[in-house]
Amino acid sequence: MEYVYSALVLHAAGKKVDEAGLANILKAAGAKVDEARVKAMVAALEGVNIDEAIKGAAVPVAAAPAAAAAQAKPEEKKEEKKVEEEEKEEEALAGLGALFG
């Protein structure tokens, strides 16, 4: 991820995303620089409009709360089912205990 972040920093600063720039940012951050990964990142970003990629990846702010609410409902149901299953197991074990009592 640090390679992606370095590329975004260069882009935000209006600099060209190149091998030297990426390596310099990583070194300044105290990260170990892997030259092969630097070259791969520069090659992967060649011809990519970073501004358009960011816009395409951004989630609209109004959709975020709705998505979070939709995700919360299934989790609540799972928790309810888990509690019910645990109760059934406890009842079954209590019944078995009477056999050996």
C-alpha atoms as a PDB file:
ATOM      1  CA  MET A   1       0.000   0.000   0.000  1.00  0.00           C
ATOM      2  CA  GLU A   2       2.854   2.359   0.692  1.00  0.00           C
ATOM      3  CA  TYR A   3       3.719   2.338  -3.015  1.00  0.00           C
ATOM      4  CA  VAL A   4       0.179   3.375  -3.935  1.00  0.00           C
ATOM      5  CA  TYR A   5       0.197   6.084  -1.282  1.00  0.00           C
ATOM      6  CA  SER A   6       3.538   7.371  -2.551  1.00  0.00           C
ATOM      7  CA  ALA A   7       2.127   7.610  -6.061  1.00  0.00           C
ATOM      8  CA  LEU A   8      -0.904   9.500  -4.754  1.00  0.00           C
ATOM      9  CA  VAL A   9       1.317  11.929  -2.851  1.00  0.00           C
ATOM     10  CA  LEU A  10       3.333  12.644  -5.992  1.00  0.00           C
ATOM     11  CA  HIS A  11       0.155  13.118  -7.999  1.00  0.00           C
ATOM     12  CA  ALA A  12      -1.400  15.416  -5.377  1.00  0.00           C
ATOM     13  CA  ALA A  13       1.775  17.510  -5.351  1.00  0.00           C
ATOM     14  CA  GLY A  14       1.571  17.882  -9.121  1.00  0.00           C
ATOM     15  CA  LYS A  15       4.745  15.883  -9.674  1.00  0.00           C
ATOM     16  CA  LYS A  16       5.324  13.186 -12.265  1.00  0.00           C
ATOM     17  CA  VAL A  17       4.894   9.673 -10.865  1.00  0.00           C
ATOM     18  CA  ASP A  18       8.252   8.112 -11.660  1.00  0.00           C
ATOM     19  CA  GLU A  19      10.681   5.659 -10.088  1.00  0.00           C
ATOM     20  CA  ALA A  20      12.902   8.303  -8.505  1.00  0.00           C
ATOM     21  CA  GLY A  21       9.966  10.140  -6.949  1.00  0.00           C
ATOM     22  CA  LEU A  22       8.434   6.989  -5.497  1.00  0.00           C
ATOM     23  CA  ALA A  23      11.773   5.839  -4.105  1.00  0.00           C
ATOM     24  CA  ASN A  24      12.439   9.241  -2.533  1.00  0.00           C
ATOM     25  CA  ILE A  25       9.060   9.345  -0.771  1.00  0.00           C
ATOM     26  CA  LEU A  26       9.454   5.799   0.532  1.00  0.00           C
ATOM     27  CA  LYS A  27      12.959   6.531   1.802  1.00  0.00           C
ATOM     28  CA  ALA A  28      11.777   9.738   3.477  1.00  0.00           C
ATOM     29  CA  ALA A  29       9.050   7.751   5.232  1.00  0.00           C
ATOM     30  CA  GLY A  30      11.612   5.264   6.477  1.00  0.00           C
ATOM     31  CA  ALA A  31      10.250   2.377   4.407  1.00  0.00           C
ATOM     32  CA  LYS A  32      12.441  -0.212   2.733  1.00  0.00           C
ATOM     33  CA  VAL A  33      12.430   0.405  -1.032  1.00  0.00           C
ATOM     34  CA  ASP A  34      11.949  -2.594  -3.305  1.00  0.00           C
ATOM     35  CA  GLU A  35      13.093  -1.423  -6.734  1.00  0.00           C
ATOM     36  CA  ALA A  36      11.086  -4.136  -8.509  1.00  0.00           C
ATOM     37  CA  ARG A  37       7.871  -2.992  -6.833  1.00  0.00           C
ATOM     38  CA  VAL A  38       8.675   0.634  -7.651  1.00  0.00           C
ATOM     39  CA  LYS A  39       9.131  -0.259 -11.330  1.00  0.00           C
ATOM     40  CA  ALA A  40       5.943  -2.334 -11.306  1.00  0.00           C
ATOM     41  CA  MET A  41       3.951   0.538  -9.794  1.00  0.00           C
ATOM     42  CA  VAL A  42       5.218   3.044 -12.344  1.00  0.00           C
ATOM     43  CA  ALA A  43       4.481   0.601 -15.175  1.00  0.00           C
ATOM     44  CA  ALA A  44       0.981  -0.094 -13.827  1.00  0.00           C
ATOM     45  CA  LEU A  45       0.181   3.617 -13.657  1.00  0.00           C
ATOM     46  CA  GLU A  46       1.482   4.375 -17.141  1.00  0.00           C
ATOM     47  CA  GLY A  47      -1.361   5.823 -19.178  1.00  0.00           C
ATOM     48  CA  VAL A  48      -3.767   5.869 -16.197  1.00  0.00           C
ATOM     49  CA  ASN A  49      -5.658   9.068 -15.452  1.00  0.00           C
ATOM     50  CA  ILE A  50      -5.304   9.070 -11.665  1.00  0.00           C
ATOM     51  CA  ASP A  51      -7.986  11.726 -11.166  1.00  0.00           C
ATOM     52  CA  GLU A  52     -10.534   9.618 -13.054  1.00  0.00           C
ATOM     53  CA  ALA A  53      -9.493   6.485 -11.174  1.00  0.00           C
ATOM     54  CA  ILE A  54     -10.031   8.262  -7.857  1.00  0.00           C
ATOM     55  CA  LYS A  55     -13.454   9.551  -8.936  1.00  0.00           C
ATOM     56  CA  GLY A  56     -14.440   6.058 -10.043  1.00  0.00           C
ATOM     57  CA  ALA A  57     -13.364   4.539  -6.748  1.00  0.00           C
ATOM     58  CA  ALA A  58     -15.069   7.137  -4.557  1.00  0.00           C
ATOM     59  CA  VAL A  59     -18.364   6.166  -2.933  1.00  0.00           C
ATOM     60  CA  PRO A  60     -21.008   8.876  -2.910  1.00  0.00           C
ATOM     61  CA  VAL A  61     -21.453  10.258   0.601  1.00  0.00           C
ATOM     62  CA  ALA A  62     -25.250   9.750   0.576  1.00  0.00           C
ATOM     63  CA  ALA A  63     -24.872   6.071  -0.309  1.00  0.00           C
ATOM     64  CA  ALA A  64     -22.458   5.284   2.513  1.00  0.00           C
ATOM     65  CA  PRO A  65     -24.992   5.414   5.408  1.00  0.00           C
ATOM     66  CA  ALA A  66     -27.492   3.332   3.433  1.00  0.00           C
ATOM     67  CA  ALA A  67     -24.852   0.710   2.693  1.00  0.00           C
ATOM     68  CA  ALA A  68     -23.812   0.598   6.342  1.00  0.00           C
ATOM     69  CA  ALA A  69     -27.425   0.151   7.446  1.00  0.00           C
ATOM     70  CA  ALA A  70     -27.957  -2.645   4.931  1.00  0.00           C
ATOM     71  CA  GLN A  71     -24.904  -4.461   6.242  1.00  0.00           C
ATOM     72  CA  ALA A  72     -25.952  -4.109   9.877  1.00  0.00           C
ATOM     73  CA  LYS A  73     -29.271  -5.955   9.473  1.00  0.00           C
ATOM     74  CA  PRO A  74     -27.850  -9.359   8.436  1.00  0.00           C
ATOM     75  CA  GLU A  75     -25.352  -9.228  11.289  1.00  0.00           C
ATOM     76  CA  GLU A  76     -28.153  -8.727  13.818  1.00  0.00           C
ATOM     77  CA  LYS A  77     -30.004 -11.761  12.449  1.00  0.00           C
ATOM     78  CA  LYS A  78     -26.855 -13.885  12.660  1.00  0.00           C
ATOM     79  CA  GLU A  79     -26.389 -12.917  16.303  1.00  0.00           C
ATOM     80  CA  GLU A  80     -30.005 -13.810  17.108  1.00  0.00           C
ATOM     81  CA  LYS A  81     -29.668 -17.209  15.424  1.00  0.00           C
ATOM     82  CA  LYS A  82     -26.431 -17.890  17.284  1.00  0.00           C
ATOM     83  CA  VAL A  83     -28.047 -17.148  20.650  1.00  0.00           C
ATOM     84  CA  GLU A  84     -31.010 -19.392  19.808  1.00  0.00           C
ATOM     85  CA  GLU A  85     -28.683 -22.225  18.787  1.00  0.00           C
ATOM     86  CA  GLU A  86     -26.703 -21.896  22.026  1.00  0.00           C
ATOM     87  CA  GLU A  87     -29.918 -22.031  24.055  1.00  0.00           C
ATOM     88  CA  LYS A  88     -31.045 -25.190  22.227  1.00  0.00           C
ATOM     89  CA  GLU A  89     -27.673 -26.818  22.870  1.00  0.00           C
ATOM     90  CA  GLU A  90     -27.866 -25.980  26.578  1.00  0.00           C
ATOM     91  CA  GLU A  91     -31.370 -27.452  26.808  1.00  0.00           C
ATOM     92  CA  ALA A  92     -30.252 -30.622  25.047  1.00  0.00           C
ATOM     93  CA  LEU A  93     -27.270 -31.006  27.357  1.00  0.00           C
ATOM     94  CA  ALA A  94     -29.464 -30.483  30.417  1.00  0.00           C
ATOM     95  CA  GLY A  95     -31.761 -33.265  29.201  1.00  0.00           C
ATOM     96  CA  LEU A  96     -28.817 -35.627  28.727  1.00  0.00           C
ATOM     97  CA  GLY A  97     -27.600 -34.844  32.238  1.00  0.00           C
ATOM     98  CA  ALA A  98     -30.875 -36.195  33.651  1.00  0.00           C
ATOM     99  CA  LEU A  99     -30.153 -39.589  32.098  1.00  0.00           C
ATOM    100  CA  PHE A 100     -26.980 -40.002  34.128  1.00  0.00           C
ATOM    101  CA  GLY A 101     -28.187 -38.126  37.208  1.00  0.00           C
END
